[in-house]
Amino acid sequence: VQLQASGGGLVQTGESLRLSCVTSGSSISVSAMGWYRQAPGKERALVAFISSRGTTSYGNSVKGRFTISRDNAKNTMYLQMDSLKPEDTAVYYCNLGHMGINYWGKGTQVTVSS
């Protein structure tokens, strides 16, 4: 199973970005998936989660600003990030859980300037 995250970049406060995570080797329709982020000097933390049934949950700091979604036909998960803040600056990773194993993609850098 391989995950490829993309869509990061440098934006200003208040702008938006959409991250994508394309999965190969497994159908995401039967898997729970999530986005995590890791800022310099901090531990990796959950940003958003989506179950195989489409149920979503978010970290408190991103509720109302970020939206996680999935397109099972494209085997792709997304993270729409609106109203970005400097504290959202981090490397963002996508994660897939399947049959008790966690798979990680390489991260994509998001930098929000003030």
N, C-alpha and C. Protein backbone atom coordinates (compact mmCIF):
# COMPACT_ATOMS: atom_id res chain seq x y z
N VAL A 1 0.85 -1.18 0.00
CA VAL A 1 0.00 0.00 0.00
C VAL A 1 0.89 1.23 0.00
N GLN A 2 0.60 2.14 -0.92
CA GLN A 2 1.37 3.38 -0.99
C GLN A 2 0.43 4.58 -1.00
N LEU A 3 0.82 5.61 -0.28
CA LEU A 3 0.05 6.84 -0.23
C LEU A 3 0.93 7.99 -0.68
N GLN A 4 0.38 8.85 -1.51
CA GLN A 4 1.13 9.99 -2.03
C GLN A 4 0.34 11.26 -1.75
N ALA A 5 0.87 12.08 -0.85
CA ALA A 5 0.22 13.36 -0.53
C ALA A 5 0.79 14.47 -1.40
N SER A 6 -0.07 15.40 -1.75
CA SER A 6 0.36 16.55 -2.55
C SER A 6 -0.55 17.73 -2.26
N GLY A 7 -0.16 18.90 -2.76
CA GLY A 7 -1.01 20.07 -2.65
C GLY A 7 -0.53 21.11 -1.66
N GLY A 8 0.54 20.83 -0.94
CA GLY A 8 1.06 21.80 -0.01
C GLY A 8 1.68 22.99 -0.73
N GLY A 9 2.03 24.00 0.06
CA GLY A 9 2.65 25.18 -0.53
C GLY A 9 2.75 26.30 0.46
N LEU A 10 3.11 27.46 -0.06
CA LEU A 10 3.24 28.68 0.75
C LEU A 10 2.07 29.60 0.45
N VAL A 11 1.31 29.94 1.48
CA VAL A 11 0.17 30.84 1.32
C VAL A 11 0.19 31.88 2.42
N GLN A 12 -0.65 32.90 2.26
CA GLN A 12 -0.77 33.92 3.28
C GLN A 12 -1.95 33.62 4.21
N THR A 13 -1.93 34.25 5.36
CA THR A 13 -3.03 34.08 6.33
C THR A 13 -4.37 34.37 5.67
N GLY A 14 -5.31 33.47 5.92
CA GLY A 14 -6.65 33.63 5.38
C GLY A 14 -6.90 32.93 4.06
N GLU A 15 -5.84 32.48 3.41
CA GLU A 15 -6.00 31.81 2.13
C GLU A 15 -6.32 30.33 2.32
N SER A 16 -6.49 29.64 1.19
CA SER A 16 -6.91 28.24 1.22
C SER A 16 -5.94 27.35 0.46
N LEU A 17 -5.94 26.09 0.82
CA LEU A 17 -5.21 25.05 0.10
C LEU A 17 -6.05 23.77 0.14
N ARG A 18 -5.86 22.92 -0.87
CA ARG A 18 -6.48 21.61 -0.83
C ARG A 18 -5.41 20.55 -0.99
N LEU A 19 -5.30 19.70 -0.01
CA LEU A 19 -4.36 18.59 -0.07
C LEU A 19 -5.06 17.36 -0.64
N SER A 20 -4.28 16.55 -1.35
CA SER A 20 -4.79 15.29 -1.91
C SER A 20 -3.90 14.15 -1.44
N CYS A 21 -4.48 13.00 -1.29
CA CYS A 21 -3.72 11.78 -0.93
C CYS A 21 -4.22 10.66 -1.82
N VAL A 22 -3.40 10.28 -2.79
CA VAL A 22 -3.75 9.20 -3.70
C VAL A 22 -3.18 7.89 -3.15
N THR A 23 -4.02 6.87 -3.12
CA THR A 23 -3.63 5.58 -2.56
C THR A 23 -3.57 4.53 -3.66
N SER A 24 -2.57 3.68 -3.59
CA SER A 24 -2.47 2.55 -4.50
C SER A 24 -2.20 1.30 -3.69
N GLY A 25 -2.65 0.16 -4.20
CA GLY A 25 -2.42 -1.11 -3.53
C GLY A 25 -3.52 -1.52 -2.57
N SER A 26 -4.48 -0.65 -2.36
CA SER A 26 -5.60 -0.98 -1.48
C SER A 26 -6.76 -0.05 -1.81
N SER A 27 -7.96 -0.57 -1.69
CA SER A 27 -9.13 0.26 -1.92
C SER A 27 -9.44 1.07 -0.65
N ILE A 28 -9.54 2.38 -0.79
CA ILE A 28 -9.80 3.19 0.39
C ILE A 28 -11.23 3.05 0.88
N SER A 29 -12.09 2.44 0.07
CA SER A 29 -13.49 2.34 0.45
C SER A 29 -13.70 1.48 1.69
N VAL A 30 -12.73 0.64 2.01
CA VAL A 30 -12.87 -0.25 3.18
C VAL A 30 -11.97 0.18 4.32
N SER A 31 -11.40 1.37 4.21
CA SER A 31 -10.40 1.79 5.18
C SER A 31 -10.76 3.11 5.85
N ALA A 32 -10.32 3.25 7.08
CA ALA A 32 -10.36 4.55 7.75
C ALA A 32 -9.11 5.31 7.35
N MET A 33 -9.26 6.61 7.18
CA MET A 33 -8.13 7.42 6.77
C MET A 33 -8.08 8.72 7.57
N GLY A 34 -6.92 9.32 7.55
CA GLY A 34 -6.80 10.56 8.29
C GLY A 34 -5.66 11.42 7.79
N TRP A 35 -5.72 12.68 8.20
CA TRP A 35 -4.63 13.63 7.97
C TRP A 35 -4.01 13.98 9.32
N TYR A 36 -2.70 13.97 9.36
CA TYR A 36 -1.94 14.36 10.53
C TYR A 36 -1.00 15.49 10.13
N ARG A 37 -0.51 16.20 11.13
CA ARG A 37 0.49 17.22 10.84
C ARG A 37 1.53 17.26 11.95
N GLN A 38 2.72 17.69 11.55
CA GLN A 38 3.82 17.80 12.50
C GLN A 38 4.55 19.11 12.26
N ALA A 39 4.50 19.96 13.26
CA ALA A 39 5.22 21.24 13.21
C ALA A 39 6.60 21.04 13.81
N PRO A 40 7.55 21.89 13.48
CA PRO A 40 8.91 21.77 14.03
C PRO A 40 8.89 21.76 15.56
N GLY A 41 9.54 20.76 16.14
CA GLY A 41 9.63 20.67 17.58
C GLY A 41 8.41 20.11 18.26
N LYS A 42 7.43 19.70 17.48
CA LYS A 42 6.20 19.17 18.07
C LYS A 42 5.94 17.75 17.59
N GLU A 43 5.09 17.06 18.31
CA GLU A 43 4.74 15.70 17.92
C GLU A 43 3.70 15.72 16.81
N ARG A 44 3.64 14.63 16.07
CA ARG A 44 2.63 14.50 15.03
C ARG A 44 1.25 14.42 15.68
N ALA A 45 0.31 15.15 15.12
CA ALA A 45 -1.02 15.23 15.72
C ALA A 45 -2.10 15.03 14.66
N LEU A 46 -3.20 14.45 15.09
CA LEU A 46 -4.33 14.21 14.18
C LEU A 46 -5.00 15.54 13.83
N VAL A 47 -5.25 15.73 12.56
CA VAL A 47 -5.96 16.91 12.08
C VAL A 47 -7.42 16.58 11.77
N ALA A 48 -7.60 15.50 11.01
CA ALA A 48 -8.95 15.12 10.61
C ALA A 48 -8.99 13.63 10.30
N PHE A 49 -10.16 13.04 10.50
CA PHE A 49 -10.34 11.60 10.33
C PHE A 49 -11.62 11.35 9.57
N ILE A 50 -11.58 10.32 8.71
CA ILE A 50 -12.79 9.92 8.01
C ILE A 50 -12.87 8.40 8.03
N SER A 51 -14.00 7.86 8.48
CA SER A 51 -14.15 6.42 8.56
C SER A 51 -14.50 5.85 7.18
N SER A 52 -14.52 4.54 7.10
CA SER A 52 -14.88 3.89 5.83
C SER A 52 -16.32 4.21 5.44
N ARG A 53 -17.14 4.57 6.44
CA ARG A 53 -18.53 4.91 6.17
C ARG A 53 -18.73 6.38 5.90
N GLY A 54 -17.63 7.16 6.03
CA GLY A 54 -17.74 8.59 5.75
C GLY A 54 -17.93 9.47 6.96
N THR A 55 -17.94 8.89 8.14
CA THR A 55 -18.04 9.69 9.36
C THR A 55 -16.74 10.46 9.56
N THR A 56 -16.87 11.74 9.92
CA THR A 56 -15.68 12.58 10.05
C THR A 56 -15.53 13.13 11.47
N SER A 57 -14.31 13.44 11.81
CA SER A 57 -14.01 14.14 13.06
C SER A 57 -12.79 15.00 12.84
N TYR A 58 -12.66 16.06 13.66
CA TYR A 58 -11.60 17.04 13.48
C TYR A 58 -10.94 17.41 14.79
N GLY A 59 -9.67 17.82 14.67
CA GLY A 59 -9.02 18.40 15.82
C GLY A 59 -9.66 19.73 16.17
N ASN A 60 -9.63 20.10 17.43
CA ASN A 60 -10.30 21.33 17.87
C ASN A 60 -9.79 22.57 17.14
N SER A 61 -8.51 22.59 16.83
CA SER A 61 -7.93 23.79 16.25
C SER A 61 -8.33 24.02 14.80
N VAL A 62 -8.89 23.01 14.15
CA VAL A 62 -9.24 23.16 12.73
C VAL A 62 -10.73 23.04 12.47
N LYS A 63 -11.51 22.77 13.50
CA LYS A 63 -12.95 22.64 13.31
C LYS A 63 -13.54 23.92 12.71
N GLY A 64 -14.37 23.73 11.70
CA GLY A 64 -15.00 24.87 11.04
C GLY A 64 -14.16 25.50 9.94
N ARG A 65 -12.89 25.09 9.84
CA ARG A 65 -12.01 25.64 8.80
C ARG A 65 -11.55 24.58 7.80
N PHE A 66 -11.37 23.36 8.26
CA PHE A 66 -10.89 22.27 7.42
C PHE A 66 -12.02 21.28 7.16
N THR A 67 -11.98 20.66 5.97
CA THR A 67 -12.96 19.66 5.61
C THR A 67 -12.26 18.46 4.97
N ILE A 68 -12.48 17.30 5.55
CA ILE A 68 -11.91 16.07 5.00
C ILE A 68 -12.97 15.38 4.15
N SER A 69 -12.53 14.79 3.05
CA SER A 69 -13.47 14.07 2.18
C SER A 69 -12.71 12.97 1.45
N ARG A 70 -13.46 12.13 0.77
CA ARG A 70 -12.84 11.04 0.04
C ARG A 70 -13.62 10.79 -1.23
N ASP A 71 -12.93 10.36 -2.26
CA ASP A 71 -13.52 9.94 -3.52
C ASP A 71 -13.08 8.51 -3.74
N ASN A 72 -13.94 7.58 -3.39
CA ASN A 72 -13.56 6.17 -3.47
C ASN A 72 -13.26 5.74 -4.91
N ALA A 73 -13.95 6.32 -5.87
CA ALA A 73 -13.73 5.95 -7.27
C ALA A 73 -12.32 6.33 -7.72
N LYS A 74 -11.79 7.41 -7.13
CA LYS A 74 -10.43 7.85 -7.49
C LYS A 74 -9.40 7.38 -6.48
N ASN A 75 -9.86 6.65 -5.46
CA ASN A 75 -8.95 6.18 -4.40
C ASN A 75 -8.16 7.34 -3.81
N THR A 76 -8.85 8.43 -3.59
CA THR A 76 -8.18 9.66 -3.16
C THR A 76 -8.93 10.29 -1.99
N MET A 77 -8.16 10.79 -1.04
CA MET A 77 -8.69 11.53 0.10
C MET A 77 -8.22 12.98 -0.03
N TYR A 78 -9.04 13.89 0.46
CA TYR A 78 -8.73 15.30 0.35
C TYR A 78 -8.80 15.98 1.72
N LEU A 79 -8.11 17.12 1.81
CA LEU A 79 -8.26 17.99 2.96
C LEU A 79 -8.37 19.42 2.44
N GLN A 80 -9.56 19.98 2.51
CA GLN A 80 -9.76 21.36 2.14
C GLN A 80 -9.48 22.22 3.35
N MET A 81 -8.52 23.12 3.21
CA MET A 81 -8.10 23.96 4.33
C MET A 81 -8.41 25.42 3.99
N ASP A 82 -9.32 26.00 4.72
CA ASP A 82 -9.71 27.39 4.53
C ASP A 82 -9.29 28.23 5.73
N SER A 83 -9.27 29.53 5.52
CA SER A 83 -8.92 30.47 6.60
C SER A 83 -7.64 30.04 7.32
N LEU A 84 -6.63 29.77 6.54
CA LEU A 84 -5.38 29.27 7.11
C LEU A 84 -4.72 30.30 8.01
N LYS A 85 -4.07 29.79 9.05
CA LYS A 85 -3.39 30.61 10.03
C LYS A 85 -1.91 30.20 10.09
N PRO A 86 -1.05 31.08 10.56
CA PRO A 86 0.38 30.72 10.69
C PRO A 86 0.58 29.46 11.54
N GLU A 87 -0.26 29.24 12.53
CA GLU A 87 -0.10 28.06 13.37
C GLU A 87 -0.49 26.76 12.66
N ASP A 88 -1.02 26.86 11.45
CA ASP A 88 -1.28 25.66 10.65
C ASP A 88 -0.03 25.20 9.90
N THR A 89 1.03 25.98 9.98
CA THR A 89 2.28 25.62 9.31
C THR A 89 2.82 24.31 9.87
N ALA A 90 3.03 23.34 8.98
CA ALA A 90 3.49 22.02 9.39
C ALA A 90 3.69 21.16 8.15
N VAL A 91 4.27 19.99 8.37
CA VAL A 91 4.25 18.96 7.34
C VAL A 91 3.00 18.12 7.56
N TYR A 92 2.23 17.93 6.52
CA TYR A 92 0.97 17.20 6.60
C TYR A 92 1.15 15.81 6.00
N TYR A 93 0.68 14.81 6.73
CA TYR A 93 0.81 13.41 6.33
C TYR A 93 -0.57 12.78 6.20
N CYS A 94 -0.74 11.91 5.21
CA CYS A 94 -1.97 11.13 5.14
C CYS A 94 -1.70 9.73 5.67
N ASN A 95 -2.76 9.16 6.22
CA ASN A 95 -2.67 7.87 6.89
C ASN A 95 -3.85 7.01 6.49
N LEU A 96 -3.58 5.72 6.34
CA LEU A 96 -4.64 4.75 6.04
C LEU A 96 -4.49 3.57 6.99
N GLY A 97 -5.59 3.17 7.58
CA GLY A 97 -5.58 2.01 8.46
C GLY A 97 -6.33 0.87 7.81
N HIS A 98 -5.67 -0.27 7.68
CA HIS A 98 -6.30 -1.42 7.02
C HIS A 98 -5.80 -2.70 7.65
N MET A 99 -6.74 -3.49 8.14
CA MET A 99 -6.45 -4.81 8.75
C MET A 99 -5.38 -4.68 9.82
N GLY A 100 -5.53 -3.65 10.64
CA GLY A 100 -4.65 -3.49 11.78
C GLY A 100 -3.30 -2.88 11.49
N ILE A 101 -3.08 -2.48 10.26
CA ILE A 101 -1.80 -1.88 9.89
C ILE A 101 -2.02 -0.43 9.49
N ASN A 102 -1.14 0.43 9.95
CA ASN A 102 -1.17 1.84 9.58
C ASN A 102 -0.16 2.11 8.47
N TYR A 103 -0.63 2.77 7.44
CA TYR A 103 0.24 3.13 6.32
C TYR A 103 0.33 4.66 6.27
N TRP A 104 1.54 5.14 5.96
CA TRP A 104 1.79 6.58 5.92
C TRP A 104 2.35 6.98 4.56
N GLY A 105 1.93 8.15 4.12
CA GLY A 105 2.54 8.73 2.94
C GLY A 105 3.64 9.69 3.35
N LYS A 106 4.47 10.07 2.40
CA LYS A 106 5.44 11.12 2.66
C LYS A 106 4.68 12.43 2.81
N GLY A 107 5.14 13.28 3.63
CA GLY A 107 4.42 14.50 3.94
C GLY A 107 4.50 15.55 2.85
N THR A 108 3.61 16.52 2.98
CA THR A 108 3.63 17.69 2.11
C THR A 108 3.65 18.93 3.00
N GLN A 109 4.55 19.85 2.68
CA GLN A 109 4.76 21.01 3.54
C GLN A 109 3.71 22.08 3.27
N VAL A 110 3.13 22.57 4.35
CA VAL A 110 2.21 23.71 4.29
C VAL A 110 2.81 24.83 5.13
N THR A 111 3.00 25.98 4.52
CA THR A 111 3.55 27.13 5.22
C THR A 111 2.60 28.31 5.06
N VAL A 112 2.19 28.88 6.19
CA VAL A 112 1.27 30.01 6.17
C VAL A 112 2.00 31.22 6.73
N SER A 113 2.14 32.23 5.90
CA SER A 113 2.84 33.43 6.34
C SER A 113 1.85 34.44 6.92
N SER A 114 2.35 35.22 7.87
CA SER A 114 1.48 36.21 8.53
C SER A 114 1.52 37.55 7.83
